[in-house]
PDB file of N, CA and C in Angstrom:
ATOM      1  N   UNK A   1     -15.478  -4.216  22.731  1.00  0.00           N
ATOM      2  CA  UNK A   1     -14.256  -5.008  22.801  1.00  0.00           C
ATOM      3  C   UNK A   1     -14.350  -6.033  23.923  1.00  0.00           C
ATOM      4  N   UNK A   2     -14.929  -5.616  25.038  1.00  0.00           N
ATOM      5  CA  UNK A   2     -15.096  -6.579  26.130  1.00  0.00           C
ATOM      6  C   UNK A   2     -15.963  -7.756  25.682  1.00  0.00           C
ATOM      7  N   UNK A   3     -17.030  -7.465  24.942  1.00  0.00           N
ATOM      8  CA  UNK A   3     -17.919  -8.527  24.453  1.00  0.00           C
ATOM      9  C   UNK A   3     -17.165  -9.450  23.507  1.00  0.00           C
ATOM     10  N   UNK A   4     -16.341  -8.899  22.655  1.00  0.00           N
ATOM     11  CA  UNK A   4     -15.551  -9.703  21.726  1.00  0.00           C
ATOM     12  C   UNK A   4     -14.598 -10.623  22.487  1.00  0.00           C
ATOM     13  N   UNK A   5     -13.960 -10.087  23.500  1.00  0.00           N
ATOM     14  CA  UNK A   5     -13.030 -10.868  24.315  1.00  0.00           C
ATOM     15  C   UNK A   5     -13.778 -11.977  25.055  1.00  0.00           C
ATOM     16  N   UNK A   6     -14.971 -11.663  25.584  1.00  0.00           N
ATOM     17  CA  UNK A   6     -15.776 -12.689  26.262  1.00  0.00           C
ATOM     18  C   UNK A   6     -16.247 -13.758  25.283  1.00  0.00           C
ATOM     19  N   UNK A   7     -16.610 -13.337  24.081  1.00  0.00           N
ATOM     20  CA  UNK A   7     -17.116 -14.261  23.075  1.00  0.00           C
ATOM     21  C   UNK A   7     -16.039 -15.237  22.597  1.00  0.00           C
ATOM     22  N   UNK A   8     -14.805 -14.776  22.545  1.00  0.00           N
ATOM     23  CA  UNK A   8     -13.683 -15.596  22.073  1.00  0.00           C
ATOM     24  C   UNK A   8     -12.570 -15.618  23.124  1.00  0.00           C
ATOM     25  N   UNK A   9     -12.822 -16.252  24.260  1.00  0.00           N
ATOM     26  CA  UNK A   9     -11.858 -16.213  25.367  1.00  0.00           C
ATOM     27  C   UNK A   9     -10.511 -16.872  25.055  1.00  0.00           C
ATOM     28  N   UNK A  10     -10.451 -17.745  24.079  1.00  0.00           N
ATOM     29  CA  UNK A  10      -9.189 -18.416  23.738  1.00  0.00           C
ATOM     30  C   UNK A  10      -8.399 -17.666  22.670  1.00  0.00           C
ATOM     31  N   UNK A  11      -8.953 -16.578  22.175  1.00  0.00           N
ATOM     32  CA  UNK A  11      -8.291 -15.771  21.140  1.00  0.00           C
ATOM     33  C   UNK A  11      -7.597 -14.577  21.773  1.00  0.00           C
ATOM     34  N   UNK A  12      -6.521 -14.139  21.140  1.00  0.00           N
ATOM     35  CA  UNK A  12      -5.815 -12.922  21.560  1.00  0.00           C
ATOM     36  C   UNK A  12      -6.021 -11.889  20.461  1.00  0.00           C
ATOM     37  N   UNK A  13      -6.367 -10.691  20.842  1.00  0.00           N
ATOM     38  CA  UNK A  13      -6.626  -9.639  19.875  1.00  0.00           C
ATOM     39  C   UNK A  13      -5.590  -8.539  20.024  1.00  0.00           C
ATOM     40  N   UNK A  14      -5.365  -7.839  18.924  1.00  0.00           N
ATOM     41  CA  UNK A  14      -4.492  -6.667  18.932  1.00  0.00           C
ATOM     42  C   UNK A  14      -5.237  -5.562  18.203  1.00  0.00           C
ATOM     43  N   UNK A  15      -5.157  -4.353  18.726  1.00  0.00           N
ATOM     44  CA  UNK A  15      -5.783  -3.184  18.122  1.00  0.00           C
ATOM     45  C   UNK A  15      -4.776  -2.612  17.129  1.00  0.00           C
ATOM     46  N   UNK A  16      -5.153  -2.505  15.871  1.00  0.00           N
ATOM     47  CA  UNK A  16      -4.248  -1.991  14.840  1.00  0.00           C
ATOM     48  C   UNK A  16      -4.761  -0.640  14.364  1.00  0.00           C
ATOM     49  N   UNK A  17      -3.877   0.342  14.344  1.00  0.00           N
ATOM     50  CA  UNK A  17      -4.247   1.667  13.840  1.00  0.00           C
ATOM     51  C   UNK A  17      -3.032   2.335  13.216  1.00  0.00           C
ATOM     52  N   UNK A  18      -3.302   3.320  12.392  1.00  0.00           N
ATOM     53  CA  UNK A  18      -2.236   4.104  11.791  1.00  0.00           C
ATOM     54  C   UNK A  18      -1.784   5.202  12.738  1.00  0.00           C
ATOM     55  N   UNK A  19      -0.599   5.736  12.485  1.00  0.00           N
ATOM     56  CA  UNK A  19      -0.067   6.812  13.319  1.00  0.00           C
ATOM     57  C   UNK A  19      -0.989   8.027  13.309  1.00  0.00           C
ATOM     58  N   UNK A  20      -1.728   8.235  12.212  1.00  0.00           N
ATOM     59  CA  UNK A  20      -2.667   9.357  12.174  1.00  0.00           C
ATOM     60  C   UNK A  20      -3.736   9.197  13.251  1.00  0.00           C
ATOM     61  N   UNK A  21      -4.171   7.963  13.532  1.00  0.00           N
ATOM     62  CA  UNK A  21      -5.147   7.732  14.591  1.00  0.00           C
ATOM     63  C   UNK A  21      -4.527   7.862  15.967  1.00  0.00           C
ATOM     64  N   UNK A  22      -3.290   7.438  16.138  1.00  0.00           N
ATOM     65  CA  UNK A  22      -2.631   7.594  17.431  1.00  0.00           C
ATOM     66  C   UNK A  22      -2.513   9.065  17.799  1.00  0.00           C
ATOM     67  N   UNK A  23      -2.281   9.923  16.812  1.00  0.00           N
ATOM     68  CA  UNK A  23      -2.161  11.360  17.080  1.00  0.00           C
ATOM     69  C   UNK A  23      -3.426  11.910  17.738  1.00  0.00           C
ATOM     70  N   UNK A  24      -4.583  11.386  17.383  1.00  0.00           N
ATOM     71  CA  UNK A  24      -5.836  11.856  17.970  1.00  0.00           C
ATOM     72  C   UNK A  24      -6.491  10.856  18.897  1.00  0.00           C
ATOM     73  N   UNK A  25      -5.783   9.797  19.245  1.00  0.00           N
ATOM     74  CA  UNK A  25      -6.351   8.725  20.061  1.00  0.00           C
ATOM     75  C   UNK A  25      -6.875   9.239  21.409  1.00  0.00           C
ATOM     76  N   UNK A  26      -6.195  10.231  21.965  1.00  0.00           N
ATOM     77  CA  UNK A  26      -6.605  10.771  23.267  1.00  0.00           C
ATOM     78  C   UNK A  26      -7.996  11.420  23.214  1.00  0.00           C
ATOM     79  N   UNK A  27      -8.517  11.683  22.026  1.00  0.00           N
ATOM     80  CA  UNK A  27      -9.856  12.262  21.891  1.00  0.00           C
ATOM     81  C   UNK A  27     -10.938  11.193  21.735  1.00  0.00           C
ATOM     82  N   UNK A  28     -10.534   9.933  21.602  1.00  0.00           N
ATOM     83  CA  UNK A  28     -11.499   8.846  21.474  1.00  0.00           C
ATOM     84  C   UNK A  28     -12.147   8.596  22.823  1.00  0.00           C
ATOM     85  N   UNK A  29     -13.386   8.181  22.792  1.00  0.00           N
ATOM     86  CA  UNK A  29     -14.089   7.831  24.021  1.00  0.00           C
ATOM     87  C   UNK A  29     -13.467   6.552  24.595  1.00  0.00           C
ATOM     88  N   UNK A  30     -13.095   6.600  25.858  1.00  0.00           N
ATOM     89  CA  UNK A  30     -12.534   5.444  26.573  1.00  0.00           C
ATOM     90  C   UNK A  30     -11.255   4.892  25.939  1.00  0.00           C
ATOM     91  N   UNK A  31     -10.414   5.768  25.427  1.00  0.00           N
ATOM     92  CA  UNK A  31      -9.200   5.306  24.765  1.00  0.00           C
ATOM     93  C   UNK A  31      -8.273   4.541  25.711  1.00  0.00           C
ATOM     94  N   UNK A  32      -8.209   4.955  26.961  1.00  0.00           N
ATOM     95  CA  UNK A  32      -7.358   4.222  27.910  1.00  0.00           C
ATOM     96  C   UNK A  32      -7.895   2.807  28.139  1.00  0.00           C
ATOM     97  N   UNK A  33      -9.212   2.662  28.124  1.00  0.00           N
ATOM     98  CA  UNK A  33      -9.813   1.332  28.287  1.00  0.00           C
ATOM     99  C   UNK A  33      -9.416   0.427  27.129  1.00  0.00           C
ATOM    100  N   UNK A  34      -9.447   0.962  25.911  1.00  0.00           N
ATOM    101  CA  UNK A  34      -9.013   0.185  24.743  1.00  0.00           C
ATOM    102  C   UNK A  34      -7.577  -0.284  24.962  1.00  0.00           C
ATOM    103  N   UNK A  35      -6.722   0.629  25.408  1.00  0.00           N
ATOM    104  CA  UNK A  35      -5.308   0.296  25.625  1.00  0.00           C
ATOM    105  C   UNK A  35      -5.126  -0.742  26.725  1.00  0.00           C
ATOM    106  N   UNK A  36      -6.036  -0.782  27.683  1.00  0.00           N
ATOM    107  CA  UNK A  36      -5.924  -1.737  28.781  1.00  0.00           C
ATOM    108  C   UNK A  36      -6.543  -3.094  28.439  1.00  0.00           C
ATOM    109  N   UNK A  37      -7.301  -3.162  27.350  1.00  0.00           N
ATOM    110  CA  UNK A  37      -7.944  -4.413  26.956  1.00  0.00           C
ATOM    111  C   UNK A  37      -7.108  -5.264  26.009  1.00  0.00           C
ATOM    112  N   UNK A  38      -6.319  -4.613  25.157  1.00  0.00           N
ATOM    113  CA  UNK A  38      -5.538  -5.373  24.181  1.00  0.00           C
ATOM    114  C   UNK A  38      -4.322  -4.574  23.738  1.00  0.00           C
ATOM    115  N   UNK A  39      -3.257  -5.271  23.326  1.00  0.00           N
ATOM    116  CA  UNK A  39      -2.080  -4.568  22.807  1.00  0.00           C
ATOM    117  C   UNK A  39      -2.461  -3.717  21.589  1.00  0.00           C
ATOM    118  N   UNK A  40      -1.709  -2.649  21.381  1.00  0.00           N
ATOM    119  CA  UNK A  40      -1.947  -1.744  20.259  1.00  0.00           C
ATOM    120  C   UNK A  40      -0.734  -1.788  19.333  1.00  0.00           C
ATOM    121  N   UNK A  41      -1.021  -1.954  18.058  1.00  0.00           N
ATOM    122  CA  UNK A  41       0.011  -1.926  17.029  1.00  0.00           C
ATOM    123  C   UNK A  41      -0.242  -0.701  16.170  1.00  0.00           C
ATOM    124  N   UNK A  42       0.723   0.184  16.101  1.00  0.00           N
ATOM    125  CA  UNK A  42       0.603   1.412  15.315  1.00  0.00           C
ATOM    126  C   UNK A  42       1.469   1.284  14.068  1.00  0.00           C
ATOM    127  N   UNK A  43       0.849   1.513  12.933  1.00  0.00           N
ATOM    128  CA  UNK A  43       1.578   1.504  11.667  1.00  0.00           C
ATOM    129  C   UNK A  43       2.030   2.937  11.385  1.00  0.00           C
ATOM    130  N   UNK A  44       3.325   3.121  11.281  1.00  0.00           N
ATOM    131  CA  UNK A  44       3.871   4.449  10.999  1.00  0.00           C
ATOM    132  C   UNK A  44       3.327   4.944   9.666  1.00  0.00           C
ATOM    133  N   UNK A  45       3.002   6.239   9.618  1.00  0.00           N
ATOM    134  CA  UNK A  45       2.496   6.827   8.374  1.00  0.00           C
ATOM    135  C   UNK A  45       3.243   8.127   8.136  1.00  0.00           C
ATOM    136  N   UNK A  46       3.861   8.267   6.982  1.00  0.00           N
ATOM    137  CA  UNK A  46       4.606   9.493   6.688  1.00  0.00           C
ATOM    138  C   UNK A  46       3.731  10.722   6.891  1.00  0.00           C
ATOM    139  N   UNK A  47       4.295  11.706   7.572  1.00  0.00           N
ATOM    140  CA  UNK A  47       3.577  12.952   7.804  1.00  0.00           C
ATOM    141  C   UNK A  47       2.786  12.979   9.098  1.00  0.00           C
ATOM    142  N   UNK A  48       2.648  11.848   9.768  1.00  0.00           N
ATOM    143  CA  UNK A  48       1.868  11.783  11.016  1.00  0.00           C
ATOM    144  C   UNK A  48       2.710  11.382  12.219  1.00  0.00           C
ATOM    145  N   UNK A  49       3.894  10.866  11.982  1.00  0.00           N
ATOM    146  CA  UNK A  49       4.696  10.332  13.076  1.00  0.00           C
ATOM    147  C   UNK A  49       4.991  11.360  14.166  1.00  0.00           C
ATOM    148  N   UNK A  50       5.365  12.573  13.793  1.00  0.00           N
ATOM    149  CA  UNK A  50       5.696  13.588  14.807  1.00  0.00           C
ATOM    150  C   UNK A  50       4.513  13.859  15.728  1.00  0.00           C
ATOM    151  N   UNK A  51       3.319  14.063  15.141  1.00  0.00           N
ATOM    152  CA  UNK A  51       2.135  14.320  15.962  1.00  0.00           C
ATOM    153  C   UNK A  51       1.784  13.111  16.819  1.00  0.00           C
ATOM    154  N   UNK A  52       1.896  11.935  16.253  1.00  0.00           N
ATOM    155  CA  UNK A  52       1.553  10.712  16.981  1.00  0.00           C
ATOM    156  C   UNK A  52       2.495  10.490  18.160  1.00  0.00           C
ATOM    157  N   UNK A  53       3.784  10.663  17.933  1.00  0.00           N
ATOM    158  CA  UNK A  53       4.769  10.369  18.971  1.00  0.00           C
ATOM    159  C   UNK A  53       4.875  11.451  20.027  1.00  0.00           C
ATOM    160  N   UNK A  54       4.305  12.616  19.771  1.00  0.00           N
ATOM    161  CA  UNK A  54       4.349  13.698  20.765  1.00  0.00           C
ATOM    162  C   UNK A  54       2.980  13.981  21.377  1.00  0.00           C
ATOM    163  N   UNK A  55       1.978  13.198  21.028  1.00  0.00           N
ATOM    164  CA  UNK A  55       0.628  13.431  21.516  1.00  0.00           C
ATOM    165  C   UNK A  55       0.388  12.910  22.923  1.00  0.00           C
ATOM    166  N   UNK A  56      -0.731  13.323  23.517  1.00  0.00           N
ATOM    167  CA  UNK A  56      -1.083  12.896  24.878  1.00  0.00           C
ATOM    168  C   UNK A  56      -1.222  11.385  25.037  1.00  0.00           C
ATOM    169  N   UNK A  57      -1.765  10.703  24.042  1.00  0.00           N
ATOM    170  CA  UNK A  57      -1.920   9.246  24.163  1.00  0.00           C
ATOM    171  C   UNK A  57      -0.549   8.580  24.228  1.00  0.00           C
ATOM    172  N   UNK A  58       0.376   9.044  23.397  1.00  0.00           N
ATOM    173  CA  UNK A  58       1.714   8.448  23.406  1.00  0.00           C
ATOM    174  C   UNK A  58       2.422   8.738  24.722  1.00  0.00           C
ATOM    175  N   UNK A  59       2.187   9.910  25.309  1.00  0.00           N
ATOM    176  CA  UNK A  59       2.797  10.225  26.602  1.00  0.00           C
ATOM    177  C   UNK A  59       2.340   9.211  27.649  1.00  0.00           C
ATOM    178  N   UNK A  60       1.063   8.844  27.601  1.00  0.00           N
ATOM    179  CA  UNK A  60       0.521   7.870  28.546  1.00  0.00           C
ATOM    180  C   UNK A  60       1.005   6.448  28.228  1.00  0.00           C
ATOM    181  N   UNK A  61       1.127   6.130  26.942  1.00  0.00           N
ATOM    182  CA  UNK A  61       1.499   4.784  26.506  1.00  0.00           C
ATOM    183  C   UNK A  61       3.012   4.538  26.453  1.00  0.00           C
ATOM    184  N   UNK A  62       3.811   5.593  26.449  1.00  0.00           N
ATOM    185  CA  UNK A  62       5.260   5.444  26.261  1.00  0.00           C
ATOM    186  C   UNK A  62       5.905   4.424  27.210  1.00  0.00           C
ATOM    187  N   UNK A  63       5.520   4.361  28.488  1.00  0.00           N
ATOM    188  CA  UNK A  63       6.135   3.342  29.355  1.00  0.00           C
ATOM    189  C   UNK A  63       5.816   1.901  28.922  1.00  0.00           C
ATOM    190  N   UNK A  64       4.828   1.737  28.068  1.00  0.00           N
ATOM    191  CA  UNK A  64       4.393   0.413  27.632  1.00  0.00           C
ATOM    192  C   UNK A  64       4.843   0.090  26.203  1.00  0.00           C
ATOM    193  N   UNK A  65       5.740   0.916  25.672  1.00  0.00           N
ATOM    194  CA  UNK A  65       6.231   0.757  24.307  1.00  0.00           C
ATOM    195  C   UNK A  65       7.103  -0.491  24.204  1.00  0.00           C
ATOM    196  N   UNK A  66       6.840  -1.310  23.198  1.00  0.00           N
ATOM    197  CA  UNK A  66       7.605  -2.532  22.946  1.00  0.00           C
ATOM    198  C   UNK A  66       8.501  -2.322  21.737  1.00  0.00           C
ATOM    199  N   UNK A  67       9.621  -3.002  21.749  1.00  0.00           N
ATOM    200  CA  UNK A  67      10.563  -2.928  20.628  1.00  0.00           C
ATOM    201  C   UNK A  67      10.061  -3.777  19.479  1.00  0.00           C
ATOM    202  N   UNK A  68      10.345  -3.352  18.273  1.00  0.00           N
ATOM    203  CA  UNK A  68       9.912  -4.085  17.082  1.00  0.00           C
ATOM    204  C   UNK A  68      10.457  -5.509  17.068  1.00  0.00           C
ATOM    205  N   UNK A  69      11.589  -5.728  17.678  1.00  0.00           N
ATOM    206  CA  UNK A  69      12.179  -7.067  17.704  1.00  0.00           C
ATOM    207  C   UNK A  69      11.286  -8.069  18.448  1.00  0.00           C
ATOM    208  N   UNK A  70      10.398  -7.572  19.302  1.00  0.00           N
ATOM    209  CA  UNK A  70       9.519  -8.472  20.066  1.00  0.00           C
ATOM    210  C   UNK A  70       8.164  -8.673  19.394  1.00  0.00           C
ATOM    211  N   UNK A  71       8.044  -8.253  18.137  1.00  0.00           N
ATOM    212  CA  UNK A  71       6.751  -8.282  17.455  1.00  0.00           C
ATOM    213  C   UNK A  71       6.157  -9.680  17.328  1.00  0.00           C
ATOM    214  N   UNK A  72       6.969 -10.693  17.256  1.00  0.00           N
ATOM    215  CA  UNK A  72       6.443 -12.042  17.076  1.00  0.00           C
ATOM    216  C   UNK A  72       5.831 -12.612  18.355  1.00  0.00           C
ATOM    217  N   UNK A  73       6.095 -11.990  19.493  1.00  0.00           N
ATOM    218  CA  UNK A  73       5.555 -12.500  20.753  1.00  0.00           C
ATOM    219  C   UNK A  73       4.439 -11.608  21.298  1.00  0.00           C
ATOM    220  N   UNK A  74       3.768 -10.869  20.434  1.00  0.00           N
ATOM    221  CA  UNK A  74       2.739  -9.931  20.908  1.00  0.00           C
ATOM    222  C   UNK A  74       1.634 -10.635  21.677  1.00  0.00           C
ATOM    223  N   UNK A  75       1.380 -11.908  21.389  1.00  0.00           N
ATOM    224  CA  UNK A  75       0.320 -12.632  22.086  1.00  0.00           C
ATOM    225  C   UNK A  75       0.621 -12.761  23.577  1.00  0.00           C
ATOM    226  N   UNK A  76       1.865 -12.636  23.954  1.00  0.00           N
ATOM    227  CA  UNK A  76       2.268 -12.774  25.355  1.00  0.00           C
ATOM    228  C   UNK A  76       2.273 -11.451  26.113  1.00  0.00           C
ATOM    229  N   UNK A  77       2.053 -10.357  25.416  1.00  0.00           N
ATOM    230  CA  UNK A  77       2.089  -9.061  26.084  1.00  0.00           C
ATOM    231  C   UNK A  77       0.846  -8.855  26.939  1.00  0.00           C
ATOM    232  N   UNK A  78       1.030  -8.300  28.114  1.00  0.00           N
ATOM    233  CA  UNK A  78      -0.098  -7.908  28.959  1.00  0.00           C
ATOM    234  C   UNK A  78      -0.385  -6.437  28.677  1.00  0.00           C
ATOM    235  N   UNK A  79      -1.625  -6.090  28.319  1.00  0.00           N
ATOM    236  CA  UNK A  79      -1.940  -4.696  28.055  1.00  0.00           C
ATOM    237  C   UNK A  79      -1.867  -3.868  29.335  1.00  0.00           C
ATOM    238  N   UNK A  80      -1.555  -2.602  29.243  1.00  0.00           N
ATOM    239  CA  UNK A  80      -1.299  -1.900  27.987  1.00  0.00           C
ATOM    240  C   UNK A  80       0.072  -2.238  27.413  1.00  0.00           C
ATOM    241  N   UNK A  81       0.107  -2.330  26.110  1.00  0.00           N
ATOM    242  CA  UNK A  81       1.336  -2.574  25.365  1.00  0.00           C
ATOM    243  C   UNK A  81       1.177  -1.893  24.006  1.00  0.00           C
ATOM    244  N   UNK A  82       2.239  -1.293  23.535  1.00  0.00           N
ATOM    245  CA  UNK A  82       2.192  -0.549  22.278  1.00  0.00           C
ATOM    246  C   UNK A  82       3.450  -0.842  21.477  1.00  0.00           C
ATOM    247  N   UNK A  83       3.273  -1.018  20.177  1.00  0.00           N
ATOM    248  CA  UNK A  83       4.404  -1.159  19.275  1.00  0.00           C
ATOM    249  C   UNK A  83       4.152  -0.290  18.051  1.00  0.00           C
ATOM    250  N   UNK A  84       5.183   0.380  17.606  1.00  0.00           N
ATOM    251  CA  UNK A  84       5.107   1.171  16.378  1.00  0.00           C
ATOM    252  C   UNK A  84       5.932   0.450  15.332  1.00  0.00           C
ATOM    253  N   UNK A  85       5.285   0.090  14.217  1.00  0.00           N
ATOM    254  CA  UNK A  85       5.986  -0.576  13.125  1.00  0.00           C
ATOM    255  C   UNK A  85       6.280   0.418  12.013  1.00  0.00           C
ATOM    256  N   UNK A  86       7.500   0.425  11.590  1.00  0.00           N
ATOM    257  CA  UNK A  86       7.918   1.301  10.490  1.00  0.00           C
ATOM    258  C   UNK A  86       8.207   0.436   9.272  1.00  0.00           C
ATOM    259  N   UNK A  87       8.000   1.003   8.132  1.00  0.00           N
ATOM    260  CA  UNK A  87       8.209   0.289   6.886  1.00  0.00           C
ATOM    261  C   UNK A  87       8.519   1.308   5.809  1.00  0.00           C
ATOM    262  N   UNK A  88       8.998   0.823   4.680  1.00  0.00           N
ATOM    263  CA  UNK A  88       9.241   1.707   3.553  1.00  0.00           C
ATOM    264  C   UNK A  88       7.883   1.988   2.918  1.00  0.00           C
ATOM    265  N   UNK A  89       7.478   3.220   2.926  1.00  0.00           N
ATOM    266  CA  UNK A  89       6.151   3.592   2.437  1.00  0.00           C
ATOM    267  C   UNK A  89       6.007   3.361   0.941  1.00  0.00           C
ATOM    268  N   UNK A  90       4.838   2.917   0.553  1.00  0.00           N
ATOM    269  CA  UNK A  90       4.494   2.741  -0.851  1.00  0.00           C
ATOM    270  C   UNK A  90       3.976   4.085  -1.341  1.00  0.00           C
ATOM    271  N   UNK A  91       4.605   4.644  -2.325  1.00  0.00           N
ATOM    272  CA  UNK A  91       4.254   5.984  -2.787  1.00  0.00           C
ATOM    273  C   UNK A  91       3.000   6.016  -3.656  1.00  0.00           C
ATOM    274  N   UNK A  92       2.492   4.834  -4.021  1.00  0.00           N
ATOM    275  CA  UNK A  92       1.279   4.797  -4.832  1.00  0.00           C
ATOM    276  C   UNK A  92       0.095   5.303  -4.018  1.00  0.00           C
ATOM    277  N   UNK A  93      -0.837   5.892  -4.682  1.00  0.00           N
ATOM    278  CA  UNK A  93      -2.037   6.411  -4.042  1.00  0.00           C
ATOM    279  C   UNK A  93      -3.175   5.407  -4.168  1.00  0.00           C
ATOM    280  N   UNK A  94      -3.739   4.978  -3.029  1.00  0.00           N
ATOM    281  CA  UNK A  94      -4.877   4.054  -3.057  1.00  0.00           C
ATOM    282  C   UNK A  94      -6.058   4.699  -3.765  1.00  0.00           C
ATOM    283  N   UNK A  95      -6.242   6.000  -3.564  1.00  0.00           N
ATOM    284  CA  UNK A  95      -7.350   6.707  -4.227  1.00  0.00           C
ATOM    285  C   UNK A  95      -7.172   6.677  -5.745  1.00  0.00           C
ATOM    286  N   UNK A  96      -5.942   6.869  -6.207  1.00  0.00           N
ATOM    287  CA  UNK A  96      -5.682   6.854  -7.650  1.00  0.00           C
ATOM    288  C   UNK A  96      -5.887   5.450  -8.215  1.00  0.00           C
ATOM    289  N   UNK A  97      -5.477   4.436  -7.466  1.00  0.00           N
ATOM    290  CA  UNK A  97      -5.667   3.055  -7.930  1.00  0.00           C
ATOM    291  C   UNK A  97      -7.153   2.744  -8.051  1.00  0.00           C
ATOM    292  N   UNK A  98      -7.947   3.142  -7.053  1.00  0.00           N
ATOM    293  CA  UNK A  98      -9.397   2.896  -7.112  1.00  0.00           C
ATOM    294  C   UNK A  98     -10.042   3.702  -8.232  1.00  0.00           C
ATOM    295  N   UNK A  99      -9.543   4.913  -8.475  1.00  0.00           N
ATOM    296  CA  UNK A  99     -10.101   5.749  -9.538  1.00  0.00           C
ATOM    297  C   UNK A  99      -9.870   5.120 -10.910  1.00  0.00           C
ATOM    298  N   UNK A 100      -8.762   4.415 -11.083  1.00  0.00           N
ATOM    299  CA  UNK A 100      -8.473   3.744 -12.349  1.00  0.00           C
ATOM    300  C   UNK A 100      -9.466   2.626 -12.633  1.00  0.00           C
ATOM    301  N   UNK A 101      -9.950   1.987 -11.580  1.00  0.00           N
ATOM    302  CA  UNK A 101     -10.872   0.871 -11.737  1.00  0.00           C
ATOM    303  C   UNK A 101     -11.975   0.994 -10.683  1.00  0.00           C
ATOM    304  N   UNK A 102     -12.942   1.901 -10.897  1.00  0.00           N
ATOM    305  CA  UNK A 102     -13.969   2.138  -9.882  1.00  0.00           C
ATOM    306  C   UNK A 102     -14.844   0.916  -9.587  1.00  0.00           C
ATOM    307  N   UNK A 103     -14.848  -0.061 -10.476  1.00  0.00           N
ATOM    308  CA  UNK A 103     -15.671  -1.259 -10.258  1.00  0.00           C
ATOM    309  C   UNK A 103     -14.850  -2.437  -9.732  1.00  0.00           C
ATOM    310  N   UNK A 104     -13.729  -2.155  -9.097  1.00  0.00           N
ATOM    311  CA  UNK A 104     -12.841  -3.211  -8.640  1.00  0.00           C
ATOM    312  C   UNK A 104     -13.537  -4.213  -7.722  1.00  0.00           C
ATOM    313  N   UNK A 105     -14.488  -3.759  -6.926  1.00  0.00           N
ATOM    314  CA  UNK A 105     -15.141  -4.642  -5.957  1.00  0.00           C
ATOM    315  C   UNK A 105     -16.024  -5.691  -6.638  1.00  0.00           C
ATOM    316  N   UNK A 106     -16.421  -5.435  -7.875  1.00  0.00           N
ATOM    317  CA  UNK A 106     -17.268  -6.395  -8.585  1.00  0.00           C
ATOM    318  C   UNK A 106     -16.579  -7.746  -8.777  1.00  0.00           C
ATOM    319  N   UNK A 107     -15.275  -7.735  -8.813  1.00  0.00           N
ATOM    320  CA  UNK A 107     -14.536  -8.994  -8.968  1.00  0.00           C
ATOM    321  C   UNK A 107     -14.752  -9.919  -7.771  1.00  0.00           C
ATOM    322  N   UNK A 108     -15.176  -9.354  -6.637  1.00  0.00           N
ATOM    323  CA  UNK A 108     -15.365 -10.140  -5.425  1.00  0.00           C
ATOM    324  C   UNK A 108     -16.837 -10.379  -5.110  1.00  0.00           C
ATOM    325  N   UNK A 109     -17.734  -9.811  -5.895  1.00  0.00           N
ATOM    326  CA  UNK A 109     -19.173  -9.933  -5.636  1.00  0.00           C
ATOM    327  C   UNK A 109     -19.608 -11.390  -5.709  1.00  0.00           C
ATOM    328  N   UNK A 110     -20.393 -11.790  -4.741  1.00  0.00           N
ATOM    329  CA  UNK A 110     -20.938 -13.134  -4.728  1.00  0.00           C
ATOM    330  C   UNK A 110     -19.996 -14.209  -4.225  1.00  0.00           C
ATOM    331  N   UNK A 111     -18.768 -13.864  -3.916  1.00  0.00           N
ATOM    332  CA  UNK A 111     -17.820 -14.862  -3.405  1.00  0.00           C
ATOM    333  C   UNK A 111     -18.179 -15.220  -1.972  1.00  0.00           C
ATOM    334  N   UNK A 112     -18.086 -16.449  -1.654  1.00  0.00           N
ATOM    335  CA  UNK A 112     -18.347 -16.917  -0.302  1.00  0.00           C
ATOM    336  C   UNK A 112     -17.017 -17.300   0.338  1.00  0.00           C
ATOM    337  N   UNK A 113     -16.783 -16.750   1.518  1.00  0.00           N
ATOM    338  CA  UNK A 113     -15.551 -17.057   2.243  1.00  0.00           C
ATOM    339  C   UNK A 113     -15.906 -17.447   3.682  1.00  0.00           C
ATOM    340  N   UNK A 114     -14.995 -18.125   4.346  1.00  0.00           N
ATOM    341  CA  UNK A 114     -15.198 -18.522   5.737  1.00  0.00           C
ATOM    342  C   UNK A 114     -14.434 -17.554   6.636  1.00  0.00           C
ATOM    343  N   UNK A 115     -15.128 -17.010   7.630  1.00  0.00           N
ATOM    344  CA  UNK A 115     -14.492 -16.141   8.609  1.00  0.00           C
ATOM    345  C   UNK A 115     -13.514 -16.993   9.421  1.00  0.00           C
ATOM    346  N   UNK A 116     -12.224 -16.604   9.474  1.00  0.00           N
ATOM    347  CA  UNK A 116     -11.246 -17.445  10.159  1.00  0.00           C
ATOM    348  C   UNK A 116     -11.440 -17.511  11.673  1.00  0.00           C
ATOM    349  N   UNK A 117     -12.145 -16.541  12.264  1.00  0.00           N
ATOM    350  CA  UNK A 117     -12.368 -16.557  13.710  1.00  0.00           C
ATOM    351  C   UNK A 117     -13.633 -17.317  14.056  1.00  0.00           C
ATOM    352  N   UNK A 118     -14.754 -16.921  13.450  1.00  0.00           N
ATOM    353  CA  UNK A 118     -16.035 -17.538  13.807  1.00  0.00           C
ATOM    354  C   UNK A 118     -16.285 -18.834  13.053  1.00  0.00           C
ATOM    355  N   UNK A 119     -15.537 -19.058  11.967  1.00  0.00           N
ATOM    356  CA  UNK A 119     -15.701 -20.227  11.084  1.00  0.00           C
ATOM    357  C   UNK A 119     -17.027 -20.202  10.338  1.00  0.00           C
ATOM    358  N   UNK A 120     -17.757 -19.083  10.402  1.00  0.00           N
ATOM    359  CA  UNK A 120     -19.031 -18.960   9.688  1.00  0.00           C
ATOM    360  C   UNK A 120     -18.771 -18.549   8.245  1.00  0.00           C
ATOM    361  N   UNK A 121     -19.664 -18.975   7.370  1.00  0.00           N
ATOM    362  CA  UNK A 121     -19.562 -18.589   5.969  1.00  0.00           C
ATOM    363  C   UNK A 121     -20.048 -17.144   5.816  1.00  0.00           C
ATOM    364  N   UNK A 122     -19.315 -16.353   5.056  1.00  0.00           N
ATOM    365  CA  UNK A 122     -19.670 -14.963   4.798  1.00  0.00           C
ATOM    366  C   UNK A 122     -19.902 -14.775   3.318  1.00  0.00           C
ATOM    367  N   UNK A 123     -20.923 -14.048   2.959  1.00  0.00           N
ATOM    368  CA  UNK A 123     -21.152 -13.747   1.560  1.00  0.00           C
ATOM    369  C   UNK A 123     -20.870 -12.263   1.351  1.00  0.00           C
ATOM    370  N   UNK A 124     -20.038 -11.961   0.379  1.00  0.00           N
ATOM    371  CA  UNK A 124     -19.691 -10.557   0.134  1.00  0.00           C
ATOM    372  C   UNK A 124     -20.758  -9.858  -0.674  1.00  0.00           C
TER     373      UNK A 124
END
């Protein structure tokens, strides 16, 4: 992450993870360093919120919790900063959708796109 920040000094990054990852974030190597390098955005996930919000990482991050109303100004936050976003969960199963069409990725094979950060062409 430090290398990424050095490589793109004019860019602001945010670490995005699901609540299931926040629940075990304290077991990640150098998790506090990640929190001190960039703001963290946690996507609420049904069934994981209780563990995530009561875990050791959240205890450490709680003083740095931002309100959802400030989500548009995340670029101005000094890390550590944390926001939990809640939404109405989609009850569809991603696994079931992929199982219906196991070759879904073929529709994107050979497409060339430009990376919005590096501006380099990427081939899928």
